């Protein structure tokens, strides 16, 4: 049998806490709508998360508003100004497509 034990591993090392701290579960289902929208987007986009960044942002904002995670600047979570530019370009592209289909 090894000296570390089956489940304990090396007992001399101290565990390192997560970088962001505790991430409480949403027991009251306060952000279920946002979560479901994000998961549905992932499924329909073939699990390409960059296409669902808007839903991800909404979900994180919901969690912050309801104290399910620490409030943090979204730019620190990967939602900087370039994300806002991409989102506005995508909405403009969709509007352009809508105009073309109506005109046809």
PDB file of N, CA and C in Angstrom:
ATOM      1  N   UNK A   1       0.839  -1.164   0.000  1.00  0.00           N
ATOM      2  CA  UNK A   1       0.000   0.000   0.000  1.00  0.00           C
ATOM      3  C   UNK A   1       0.891   1.235   0.000  1.00  0.00           C
ATOM      4  N   UNK A   2       0.445   2.293  -0.658  1.00  0.00           N
ATOM      5  CA  UNK A   2       1.271   3.494  -0.742  1.00  0.00           C
ATOM      6  C   UNK A   2       1.197   4.295   0.560  1.00  0.00           C
ATOM      7  N   UNK A   3       2.210   5.114   0.776  1.00  0.00           N
ATOM      8  CA  UNK A   3       2.284   5.900   2.008  1.00  0.00           C
ATOM      9  C   UNK A   3       1.251   7.027   2.032  1.00  0.00           C
ATOM     10  N   UNK A   4       0.794   7.477   0.843  1.00  0.00           N
ATOM     11  CA  UNK A   4      -0.137   8.601   0.777  1.00  0.00           C
ATOM     12  C   UNK A   4      -1.564   8.225   1.094  1.00  0.00           C
ATOM     13  N   UNK A   5      -1.900   6.961   1.013  1.00  0.00           N
ATOM     14  CA  UNK A   5      -3.268   6.540   1.261  1.00  0.00           C
ATOM     15  C   UNK A   5      -4.085   6.598  -0.017  1.00  0.00           C
ATOM     16  N   UNK A   6      -5.179   5.878  -0.025  1.00  0.00           N
ATOM     17  CA  UNK A   6      -5.996   5.773  -1.234  1.00  0.00           C
ATOM     18  C   UNK A   6      -6.691   7.080  -1.580  1.00  0.00           C
ATOM     19  N   UNK A   7      -7.164   7.784  -0.578  1.00  0.00           N
ATOM     20  CA  UNK A   7      -7.953   8.973  -0.859  1.00  0.00           C
ATOM     21  C   UNK A   7      -7.290  10.269  -0.400  1.00  0.00           C
ATOM     22  N   UNK A   8      -6.283  10.185   0.403  1.00  0.00           N
ATOM     23  CA  UNK A   8      -5.697  11.385   0.977  1.00  0.00           C
ATOM     24  C   UNK A   8      -4.584  12.004   0.170  1.00  0.00           C
ATOM     25  N   UNK A   9      -3.910  11.230  -0.638  1.00  0.00           N
ATOM     26  CA  UNK A   9      -2.786  11.768  -1.389  1.00  0.00           C
ATOM     27  C   UNK A   9      -1.669  12.161  -0.441  1.00  0.00           C
ATOM     28  N   UNK A  10      -0.897  13.130  -0.813  1.00  0.00           N
ATOM     29  CA  UNK A  10       0.208  13.604   0.018  1.00  0.00           C
ATOM     30  C   UNK A  10      -0.344  14.532   1.092  1.00  0.00           C
ATOM     31  N   UNK A  11      -0.318  14.110   2.302  1.00  0.00           N
ATOM     32  CA  UNK A  11      -0.917  14.887   3.391  1.00  0.00           C
ATOM     33  C   UNK A  11      -0.059  16.076   3.818  1.00  0.00           C
ATOM     34  N   UNK A  12       1.149  16.196   3.286  1.00  0.00           N
ATOM     35  CA  UNK A  12       2.008  17.310   3.646  1.00  0.00           C
ATOM     36  C   UNK A  12       1.673  18.600   2.896  1.00  0.00           C
ATOM     37  N   UNK A  13       0.932  18.506   1.779  1.00  0.00           N
ATOM     38  CA  UNK A  13       0.589  19.687   0.997  1.00  0.00           C
ATOM     39  C   UNK A  13      -0.702  20.311   1.499  1.00  0.00           C
ATOM     40  N   UNK A  14      -0.725  21.630   1.523  1.00  0.00           N
ATOM     41  CA  UNK A  14      -1.939  22.326   1.941  1.00  0.00           C
ATOM     42  C   UNK A  14      -2.818  22.575   0.730  1.00  0.00           C
ATOM     43  N   UNK A  15      -4.112  22.426   0.863  1.00  0.00           N
ATOM     44  CA  UNK A  15      -5.006  22.709  -0.263  1.00  0.00           C
ATOM     45  C   UNK A  15      -5.008  24.202  -0.577  1.00  0.00           C
ATOM     46  N   UNK A  16      -5.201  24.513  -1.833  1.00  0.00           N
ATOM     47  CA  UNK A  16      -5.255  25.908  -2.275  1.00  0.00           C
ATOM     48  C   UNK A  16      -6.707  26.256  -2.557  1.00  0.00           C
ATOM     49  N   UNK A  17      -7.232  27.332  -1.949  1.00  0.00           N
ATOM     50  CA  UNK A  17      -8.629  27.698  -2.193  1.00  0.00           C
ATOM     51  C   UNK A  17      -8.812  28.195  -3.624  1.00  0.00           C
ATOM     52  N   UNK A  18     -10.040  28.135  -4.144  1.00  0.00           N
ATOM     53  CA  UNK A  18     -10.296  28.644  -5.490  1.00  0.00           C
ATOM     54  C   UNK A  18      -9.962  30.129  -5.578  1.00  0.00           C
ATOM     55  N   UNK A  19      -9.573  30.559  -6.754  1.00  0.00           N
ATOM     56  CA  UNK A  19      -9.166  31.948  -6.950  1.00  0.00           C
ATOM     57  C   UNK A  19     -10.310  32.925  -6.674  1.00  0.00           C
ATOM     58  N   UNK A  20     -11.519  32.594  -7.090  1.00  0.00           N
ATOM     59  CA  UNK A  20     -12.663  33.487  -6.954  1.00  0.00           C
ATOM     60  C   UNK A  20     -13.455  33.249  -5.672  1.00  0.00           C
ATOM     61  N   UNK A  21     -13.072  32.291  -4.876  1.00  0.00           N
ATOM     62  CA  UNK A  21     -13.796  32.034  -3.640  1.00  0.00           C
ATOM     63  C   UNK A  21     -14.993  31.134  -3.861  1.00  0.00           C
ATOM     64  N   UNK A  22     -15.976  31.262  -3.005  1.00  0.00           N
ATOM     65  CA  UNK A  22     -17.152  30.397  -3.026  1.00  0.00           C
ATOM     66  C   UNK A  22     -18.090  30.821  -4.150  1.00  0.00           C
ATOM     67  N   UNK A  23     -18.680  29.853  -4.790  1.00  0.00           N
ATOM     68  CA  UNK A  23     -19.662  30.098  -5.849  1.00  0.00           C
ATOM     69  C   UNK A  23     -20.934  29.377  -5.440  1.00  0.00           C
ATOM     70  N   UNK A  24     -21.807  30.038  -4.626  1.00  0.00           N
ATOM     71  CA  UNK A  24     -22.982  29.351  -4.082  1.00  0.00           C
ATOM     72  C   UNK A  24     -23.924  28.845  -5.166  1.00  0.00           C
ATOM     73  N   UNK A  25     -24.547  27.721  -4.883  1.00  0.00           N
ATOM     74  CA  UNK A  25     -25.538  27.177  -5.793  1.00  0.00           C
ATOM     75  C   UNK A  25     -26.804  28.020  -5.734  1.00  0.00           C
ATOM     76  N   UNK A  26     -27.547  28.001  -6.797  1.00  0.00           N
ATOM     77  CA  UNK A  26     -28.783  28.774  -6.914  1.00  0.00           C
ATOM     78  C   UNK A  26     -29.949  27.896  -6.437  1.00  0.00           C
ATOM     79  N   UNK A  27     -30.019  27.673  -5.109  1.00  0.00           N
ATOM     80  CA  UNK A  27     -31.035  26.788  -4.555  1.00  0.00           C
ATOM     81  C   UNK A  27     -32.448  27.306  -4.775  1.00  0.00           C
ATOM     82  N   UNK A  28     -32.613  28.605  -4.848  1.00  0.00           N
ATOM     83  CA  UNK A  28     -33.943  29.206  -5.016  1.00  0.00           C
ATOM     84  C   UNK A  28     -34.300  29.375  -6.496  1.00  0.00           C
ATOM     85  N   UNK A  29     -33.432  28.960  -7.386  1.00  0.00           N
ATOM     86  CA  UNK A  29     -33.655  29.015  -8.838  1.00  0.00           C
ATOM     87  C   UNK A  29     -33.935  30.435  -9.327  1.00  0.00           C
ATOM     88  N   UNK A  30     -33.206  31.383  -8.773  1.00  0.00           N
ATOM     89  CA  UNK A  30     -33.412  32.786  -9.117  1.00  0.00           C
ATOM     90  C   UNK A  30     -32.921  33.129 -10.517  1.00  0.00           C
ATOM     91  N   UNK A  31     -31.940  32.387 -11.014  1.00  0.00           N
ATOM     92  CA  UNK A  31     -31.366  32.683 -12.328  1.00  0.00           C
ATOM     93  C   UNK A  31     -31.583  31.532 -13.313  1.00  0.00           C
ATOM     94  N   UNK A  32     -32.632  30.749 -13.092  1.00  0.00           N
ATOM     95  CA  UNK A  32     -32.886  29.598 -13.967  1.00  0.00           C
ATOM     96  C   UNK A  32     -33.176  30.015 -15.407  1.00  0.00           C
ATOM     97  N   UNK A  33     -33.928  31.088 -15.607  1.00  0.00           N
ATOM     98  CA  UNK A  33     -34.259  31.522 -16.967  1.00  0.00           C
ATOM     99  C   UNK A  33     -32.985  31.849 -17.750  1.00  0.00           C
ATOM    100  N   UNK A  34     -32.100  32.619 -17.126  1.00  0.00           N
ATOM    101  CA  UNK A  34     -30.851  33.000 -17.788  1.00  0.00           C
ATOM    102  C   UNK A  34     -29.983  31.769 -18.065  1.00  0.00           C
ATOM    103  N   UNK A  35     -29.963  30.854 -17.097  1.00  0.00           N
ATOM    104  CA  UNK A  35     -29.176  29.629 -17.264  1.00  0.00           C
ATOM    105  C   UNK A  35     -29.721  28.797 -18.418  1.00  0.00           C
ATOM    106  N   UNK A  36     -31.040  28.643 -18.485  1.00  0.00           N
ATOM    107  CA  UNK A  36     -31.644  27.842 -19.543  1.00  0.00           C
ATOM    108  C   UNK A  36     -31.421  28.482 -20.910  1.00  0.00           C
ATOM    109  N   UNK A  37     -31.510  29.809 -20.990  1.00  0.00           N
ATOM    110  CA  UNK A  37     -31.246  30.494 -22.261  1.00  0.00           C
ATOM    111  C   UNK A  37     -29.815  30.231 -22.723  1.00  0.00           C
ATOM    112  N   UNK A  38     -28.873  30.303 -21.791  1.00  0.00           N
ATOM    113  CA  UNK A  38     -27.475  30.078 -22.124  1.00  0.00           C
ATOM    114  C   UNK A  38     -27.240  28.641 -22.588  1.00  0.00           C
ATOM    115  N   UNK A  39     -27.779  27.674 -21.856  1.00  0.00           N
ATOM    116  CA  UNK A  39     -27.595  26.268 -22.211  1.00  0.00           C
ATOM    117  C   UNK A  39     -28.251  25.968 -23.560  1.00  0.00           C
ATOM    118  N   UNK A  40     -29.452  26.510 -23.800  1.00  0.00           N
ATOM    119  CA  UNK A  40     -30.115  26.305 -25.089  1.00  0.00           C
ATOM    120  C   UNK A  40     -29.299  26.908 -26.220  1.00  0.00           C
ATOM    121  N   UNK A  41     -28.722  28.066 -25.992  1.00  0.00           N
ATOM    122  CA  UNK A  41     -27.875  28.693 -27.003  1.00  0.00           C
ATOM    123  C   UNK A  41     -26.668  27.814 -27.291  1.00  0.00           C
ATOM    124  N   UNK A  42     -26.040  27.296 -26.247  1.00  0.00           N
ATOM    125  CA  UNK A  42     -24.883  26.422 -26.443  1.00  0.00           C
ATOM    126  C   UNK A  42     -25.250  25.201 -27.283  1.00  0.00           C
ATOM    127  N   UNK A  43     -26.389  24.606 -26.970  1.00  0.00           N
ATOM    128  CA  UNK A  43     -26.816  23.417 -27.717  1.00  0.00           C
ATOM    129  C   UNK A  43     -27.075  23.754 -29.179  1.00  0.00           C
ATOM    130  N   UNK A  44     -27.753  24.868 -29.435  1.00  0.00           N
ATOM    131  CA  UNK A  44     -28.081  25.224 -30.815  1.00  0.00           C
ATOM    132  C   UNK A  44     -26.861  25.714 -31.595  1.00  0.00           C
ATOM    133  N   UNK A  45     -25.857  26.231 -30.894  1.00  0.00           N
ATOM    134  CA  UNK A  45     -24.654  26.741 -31.559  1.00  0.00           C
ATOM    135  C   UNK A  45     -23.576  25.676 -31.671  1.00  0.00           C
ATOM    136  N   UNK A  46     -23.904  24.447 -31.364  1.00  0.00           N
ATOM    137  CA  UNK A  46     -22.906  23.386 -31.434  1.00  0.00           C
ATOM    138  C   UNK A  46     -21.830  23.529 -30.381  1.00  0.00           C
ATOM    139  N   UNK A  47     -22.213  24.034 -29.227  1.00  0.00           N
ATOM    140  CA  UNK A  47     -21.324  24.217 -28.078  1.00  0.00           C
ATOM    141  C   UNK A  47     -20.142  25.136 -28.390  1.00  0.00           C
ATOM    142  N   UNK A  48     -20.369  26.126 -29.243  1.00  0.00           N
ATOM    143  CA  UNK A  48     -19.363  27.158 -29.501  1.00  0.00           C
ATOM    144  C   UNK A  48     -19.727  28.351 -28.621  1.00  0.00           C
ATOM    145  N   UNK A  49     -19.071  28.434 -27.489  1.00  0.00           N
ATOM    146  CA  UNK A  49     -19.467  29.382 -26.452  1.00  0.00           C
ATOM    147  C   UNK A  49     -19.355  30.839 -26.885  1.00  0.00           C
ATOM    148  N   UNK A  50     -18.484  31.150 -27.833  1.00  0.00           N
ATOM    149  CA  UNK A  50     -18.340  32.556 -28.239  1.00  0.00           C
ATOM    150  C   UNK A  50     -19.622  33.090 -28.861  1.00  0.00           C
ATOM    151  N   UNK A  51     -20.461  32.224 -29.414  1.00  0.00           N
ATOM    152  CA  UNK A  51     -21.731  32.670 -29.992  1.00  0.00           C
ATOM    153  C   UNK A  51     -22.768  32.982 -28.920  1.00  0.00           C
ATOM    154  N   UNK A  52     -22.532  32.559 -27.698  1.00  0.00           N
ATOM    155  CA  UNK A  52     -23.515  32.700 -26.623  1.00  0.00           C
ATOM    156  C   UNK A  52     -23.027  33.630 -25.519  1.00  0.00           C
ATOM    157  N   UNK A  53     -22.065  34.478 -25.825  1.00  0.00           N
ATOM    158  CA  UNK A  53     -21.488  35.346 -24.805  1.00  0.00           C
ATOM    159  C   UNK A  53     -22.516  36.292 -24.186  1.00  0.00           C
ATOM    160  N   UNK A  54     -23.467  36.746 -24.953  1.00  0.00           N
ATOM    161  CA  UNK A  54     -24.504  37.629 -24.418  1.00  0.00           C
ATOM    162  C   UNK A  54     -25.321  36.951 -23.330  1.00  0.00           C
ATOM    163  N   UNK A  55     -25.657  35.683 -23.561  1.00  0.00           N
ATOM    164  CA  UNK A  55     -26.413  34.921 -22.555  1.00  0.00           C
ATOM    165  C   UNK A  55     -25.559  34.656 -21.324  1.00  0.00           C
ATOM    166  N   UNK A  56     -24.282  34.409 -21.545  1.00  0.00           N
ATOM    167  CA  UNK A  56     -23.362  34.190 -20.424  1.00  0.00           C
ATOM    168  C   UNK A  56     -23.275  35.454 -19.572  1.00  0.00           C
ATOM    169  N   UNK A  57     -23.186  36.590 -20.230  1.00  0.00           N
ATOM    170  CA  UNK A  57     -23.115  37.873 -19.516  1.00  0.00           C
ATOM    171  C   UNK A  57     -24.386  38.107 -18.701  1.00  0.00           C
ATOM    172  N   UNK A  58     -25.562  37.841 -19.294  1.00  0.00           N
ATOM    173  CA  UNK A  58     -26.822  38.006 -18.575  1.00  0.00           C
ATOM    174  C   UNK A  58     -26.876  37.107 -17.344  1.00  0.00           C
ATOM    175  N   UNK A  59     -26.382  35.871 -17.481  1.00  0.00           N
ATOM    176  CA  UNK A  59     -26.399  34.930 -16.366  1.00  0.00           C
ATOM    177  C   UNK A  59     -25.501  35.416 -15.231  1.00  0.00           C
ATOM    178  N   UNK A  60     -24.309  35.868 -15.564  1.00  0.00           N
ATOM    179  CA  UNK A  60     -23.396  36.357 -14.529  1.00  0.00           C
ATOM    180  C   UNK A  60     -23.953  37.619 -13.860  1.00  0.00           C
ATOM    181  N   UNK A  61     -24.569  38.506 -14.643  1.00  0.00           N
ATOM    182  CA  UNK A  61     -25.180  39.711 -14.064  1.00  0.00           C
ATOM    183  C   UNK A  61     -26.301  39.328 -13.104  1.00  0.00           C
ATOM    184  N   UNK A  62     -27.104  38.330 -13.484  1.00  0.00           N
ATOM    185  CA  UNK A  62     -28.182  37.868 -12.612  1.00  0.00           C
ATOM    186  C   UNK A  62     -27.613  37.357 -11.296  1.00  0.00           C
ATOM    187  N   UNK A  63     -26.576  36.553 -11.365  1.00  0.00           N
ATOM    188  CA  UNK A  63     -25.961  36.003 -10.151  1.00  0.00           C
ATOM    189  C   UNK A  63     -25.405  37.112  -9.270  1.00  0.00           C
ATOM    190  N   UNK A  64     -24.804  38.126  -9.870  1.00  0.00           N
ATOM    191  CA  UNK A  64     -24.250  39.230  -9.076  1.00  0.00           C
ATOM    192  C   UNK A  64     -25.360  40.040  -8.417  1.00  0.00           C
ATOM    193  N   UNK A  65     -26.449  40.291  -9.147  1.00  0.00           N
ATOM    194  CA  UNK A  65     -27.565  41.074  -8.601  1.00  0.00           C
ATOM    195  C   UNK A  65     -28.218  40.377  -7.415  1.00  0.00           C
ATOM    196  N   UNK A  66     -28.203  39.060  -7.416  1.00  0.00           N
ATOM    197  CA  UNK A  66     -28.857  38.295  -6.354  1.00  0.00           C
ATOM    198  C   UNK A  66     -27.874  37.751  -5.320  1.00  0.00           C
ATOM    199  N   UNK A  67     -26.669  38.303  -5.318  1.00  0.00           N
ATOM    200  CA  UNK A  67     -25.618  37.939  -4.354  1.00  0.00           C
ATOM    201  C   UNK A  67     -25.284  36.445  -4.377  1.00  0.00           C
ATOM    202  N   UNK A  68     -25.340  35.846  -5.559  1.00  0.00           N
ATOM    203  CA  UNK A  68     -24.932  34.451  -5.710  1.00  0.00           C
ATOM    204  C   UNK A  68     -23.467  34.358  -6.120  1.00  0.00           C
ATOM    205  N   UNK A  69     -22.852  35.491  -6.351  1.00  0.00           N
ATOM    206  CA  UNK A  69     -21.417  35.572  -6.592  1.00  0.00           C
ATOM    207  C   UNK A  69     -20.994  36.994  -6.271  1.00  0.00           C
ATOM    208  N   UNK A  70     -19.712  37.182  -6.040  1.00  0.00           N
ATOM    209  CA  UNK A  70     -19.207  38.506  -5.702  1.00  0.00           C
ATOM    210  C   UNK A  70     -19.398  39.449  -6.881  1.00  0.00           C
ATOM    211  N   UNK A  71     -19.789  40.681  -6.568  1.00  0.00           N
ATOM    212  CA  UNK A  71     -19.918  41.691  -7.615  1.00  0.00           C
ATOM    213  C   UNK A  71     -18.532  42.018  -8.139  1.00  0.00           C
ATOM    214  N   UNK A  72     -18.422  42.039  -9.447  1.00  0.00           N
ATOM    215  CA  UNK A  72     -17.124  42.229 -10.085  1.00  0.00           C
ATOM    216  C   UNK A  72     -17.350  42.914 -11.421  1.00  0.00           C
ATOM    217  N   UNK A  73     -16.390  43.718 -11.835  1.00  0.00           N
ATOM    218  CA  UNK A  73     -16.469  44.374 -13.127  1.00  0.00           C
ATOM    219  C   UNK A  73     -16.469  43.305 -14.215  1.00  0.00           C
ATOM    220  N   UNK A  74     -17.415  43.399 -15.140  1.00  0.00           N
ATOM    221  CA  UNK A  74     -17.527  42.378 -16.181  1.00  0.00           C
ATOM    222  C   UNK A  74     -16.319  42.349 -17.099  1.00  0.00           C
ATOM    223  N   UNK A  75     -15.584  43.451 -17.170  1.00  0.00           N
ATOM    224  CA  UNK A  75     -14.372  43.436 -17.999  1.00  0.00           C
ATOM    225  C   UNK A  75     -13.329  42.485 -17.414  1.00  0.00           C
ATOM    226  N   UNK A  76     -13.371  42.270 -16.109  1.00  0.00           N
ATOM    227  CA  UNK A  76     -12.461  41.316 -15.473  1.00  0.00           C
ATOM    228  C   UNK A  76     -12.863  39.872 -15.757  1.00  0.00           C
ATOM    229  N   UNK A  77     -14.096  39.685 -16.230  1.00  0.00           N
ATOM    230  CA  UNK A  77     -14.595  38.349 -16.536  1.00  0.00           C
ATOM    231  C   UNK A  77     -14.591  38.079 -18.041  1.00  0.00           C
ATOM    232  N   UNK A  78     -13.962  38.966 -18.795  1.00  0.00           N
ATOM    233  CA  UNK A  78     -13.833  38.743 -20.234  1.00  0.00           C
ATOM    234  C   UNK A  78     -14.846  39.477 -21.079  1.00  0.00           C
ATOM    235  N   UNK A  79     -15.636  40.346 -20.477  1.00  0.00           N
ATOM    236  CA  UNK A  79     -16.635  41.106 -21.216  1.00  0.00           C
ATOM    237  C   UNK A  79     -16.207  42.567 -21.285  1.00  0.00           C
ATOM    238  N   UNK A  80     -15.225  42.855 -22.112  1.00  0.00           N
ATOM    239  CA  UNK A  80     -14.709  44.212 -22.239  1.00  0.00           C
ATOM    240  C   UNK A  80     -15.421  44.975 -23.336  1.00  0.00           C
ATOM    241  N   UNK A  81     -14.812  46.084 -23.721  1.00  0.00           N
ATOM    242  CA  UNK A  81     -15.397  46.928 -24.757  1.00  0.00           C
ATOM    243  C   UNK A  81     -15.488  46.200 -26.089  1.00  0.00           C
ATOM    244  N   UNK A  82     -14.509  45.343 -26.386  1.00  0.00           N
ATOM    245  CA  UNK A  82     -14.560  44.610 -27.649  1.00  0.00           C
ATOM    246  C   UNK A  82     -15.774  43.695 -27.711  1.00  0.00           C
ATOM    247  N   UNK A  83     -16.243  43.209 -26.542  1.00  0.00           N
ATOM    248  CA  UNK A  83     -17.457  42.395 -26.523  1.00  0.00           C
ATOM    249  C   UNK A  83     -18.655  43.240 -26.910  1.00  0.00           C
ATOM    250  N   UNK A  84     -18.749  44.463 -26.379  1.00  0.00           N
ATOM    251  CA  UNK A  84     -19.862  45.344 -26.703  1.00  0.00           C
ATOM    252  C   UNK A  84     -19.871  45.682 -28.186  1.00  0.00           C
ATOM    253  N   UNK A  85     -18.687  45.896 -28.773  1.00  0.00           N
ATOM    254  CA  UNK A  85     -18.588  46.200 -30.197  1.00  0.00           C
ATOM    255  C   UNK A  85     -19.049  45.002 -31.011  1.00  0.00           C
ATOM    256  N   UNK A  86     -18.602  43.793 -30.635  1.00  0.00           N
ATOM    257  CA  UNK A  86     -19.002  42.573 -31.346  1.00  0.00           C
ATOM    258  C   UNK A  86     -20.515  42.386 -31.266  1.00  0.00           C
ATOM    259  N   UNK A  87     -21.095  42.600 -30.099  1.00  0.00           N
ATOM    260  CA  UNK A  87     -22.529  42.411 -29.911  1.00  0.00           C
ATOM    261  C   UNK A  87     -23.319  43.393 -30.770  1.00  0.00           C
ATOM    262  N   UNK A  88     -22.879  44.646 -30.830  1.00  0.00           N
ATOM    263  CA  UNK A  88     -23.598  45.630 -31.628  1.00  0.00           C
ATOM    264  C   UNK A  88     -23.449  45.325 -33.111  1.00  0.00           C
ATOM    265  N   UNK A  89     -22.267  44.830 -33.535  1.00  0.00           N
ATOM    266  CA  UNK A  89     -22.074  44.458 -34.935  1.00  0.00           C
ATOM    267  C   UNK A  89     -22.968  43.288 -35.300  1.00  0.00           C
ATOM    268  N   UNK A  90     -23.094  42.313 -34.398  1.00  0.00           N
ATOM    269  CA  UNK A  90     -23.941  41.158 -34.675  1.00  0.00           C
ATOM    270  C   UNK A  90     -25.397  41.578 -34.781  1.00  0.00           C
ATOM    271  N   UNK A  91     -25.845  42.471 -33.917  1.00  0.00           N
ATOM    272  CA  UNK A  91     -27.238  42.911 -33.991  1.00  0.00           C
ATOM    273  C   UNK A  91     -27.473  43.724 -35.262  1.00  0.00           C
ATOM    274  N   UNK A  92     -26.475  44.507 -35.702  1.00  0.00           N
ATOM    275  CA  UNK A  92     -26.591  45.245 -36.952  1.00  0.00           C
ATOM    276  C   UNK A  92     -26.647  44.293 -38.138  1.00  0.00           C
ATOM    277  N   UNK A  93     -25.832  43.235 -38.110  1.00  0.00           N
ATOM    278  CA  UNK A  93     -25.839  42.238 -39.181  1.00  0.00           C
ATOM    279  C   UNK A  93     -27.201  41.565 -39.277  1.00  0.00           C
ATOM    280  N   UNK A  94     -27.792  41.238 -38.131  1.00  0.00           N
ATOM    281  CA  UNK A  94     -29.106  40.602 -38.129  1.00  0.00           C
ATOM    282  C   UNK A  94     -30.159  41.558 -38.670  1.00  0.00           C
ATOM    283  N   UNK A  95     -30.052  42.842 -38.310  1.00  0.00           N
ATOM    284  CA  UNK A  95     -31.000  43.835 -38.808  1.00  0.00           C
ATOM    285  C   UNK A  95     -30.856  43.979 -40.316  1.00  0.00           C
ATOM    286  N   UNK A  96     -29.627  43.971 -40.830  1.00  0.00           N
ATOM    287  CA  UNK A  96     -29.390  44.069 -42.265  1.00  0.00           C
ATOM    288  C   UNK A  96     -30.001  42.869 -42.993  1.00  0.00           C
ATOM    289  N   UNK A  97     -29.842  41.684 -42.423  1.00  0.00           N
ATOM    290  CA  UNK A  97     -30.419  40.485 -43.026  1.00  0.00           C
ATOM    291  C   UNK A  97     -31.942  40.572 -43.045  1.00  0.00           C
ATOM    292  N   UNK A  98     -32.496  41.092 -41.980  1.00  0.00           N
ATOM    293  CA  UNK A  98     -33.948  41.242 -41.910  1.00  0.00           C
ATOM    294  C   UNK A  98     -34.447  42.205 -42.972  1.00  0.00           C
ATOM    295  N   UNK A  99     -33.731  43.292 -43.213  1.00  0.00           N
ATOM    296  CA  UNK A  99     -34.121  44.255 -44.227  1.00  0.00           C
ATOM    297  C   UNK A  99     -34.067  43.632 -45.611  1.00  0.00           C
ATOM    298  N   UNK A 100     -33.041  42.815 -45.871  1.00  0.00           N
ATOM    299  CA  UNK A 100     -32.889  42.194 -47.177  1.00  0.00           C
ATOM    300  C   UNK A 100     -33.990  41.186 -47.453  1.00  0.00           C
ATOM    301  N   UNK A 101     -34.408  40.449 -46.422  1.00  0.00           N
ATOM    302  CA  UNK A 101     -35.447  39.453 -46.647  1.00  0.00           C
ATOM    303  C   UNK A 101     -36.801  40.121 -46.869  1.00  0.00           C
ATOM    304  N   UNK A 102     -37.017  41.252 -46.247  1.00  0.00           N
ATOM    305  CA  UNK A 102     -38.279  41.970 -46.442  1.00  0.00           C
ATOM    306  C   UNK A 102     -38.321  42.551 -47.841  1.00  0.00           C
ATOM    307  N   UNK A 103     -37.200  43.084 -48.313  1.00  0.00           N
ATOM    308  CA  UNK A 103     -37.135  43.726 -49.616  1.00  0.00           C
ATOM    309  C   UNK A 103     -37.255  42.727 -50.755  1.00  0.00           C
ATOM    310  N   UNK A 104     -36.914  41.464 -50.495  1.00  0.00           N
ATOM    311  CA  UNK A 104     -36.934  40.451 -51.571  1.00  0.00           C
ATOM    312  C   UNK A 104     -38.320  40.075 -51.991  1.00  0.00           C
TER     313      UNK A 104
END
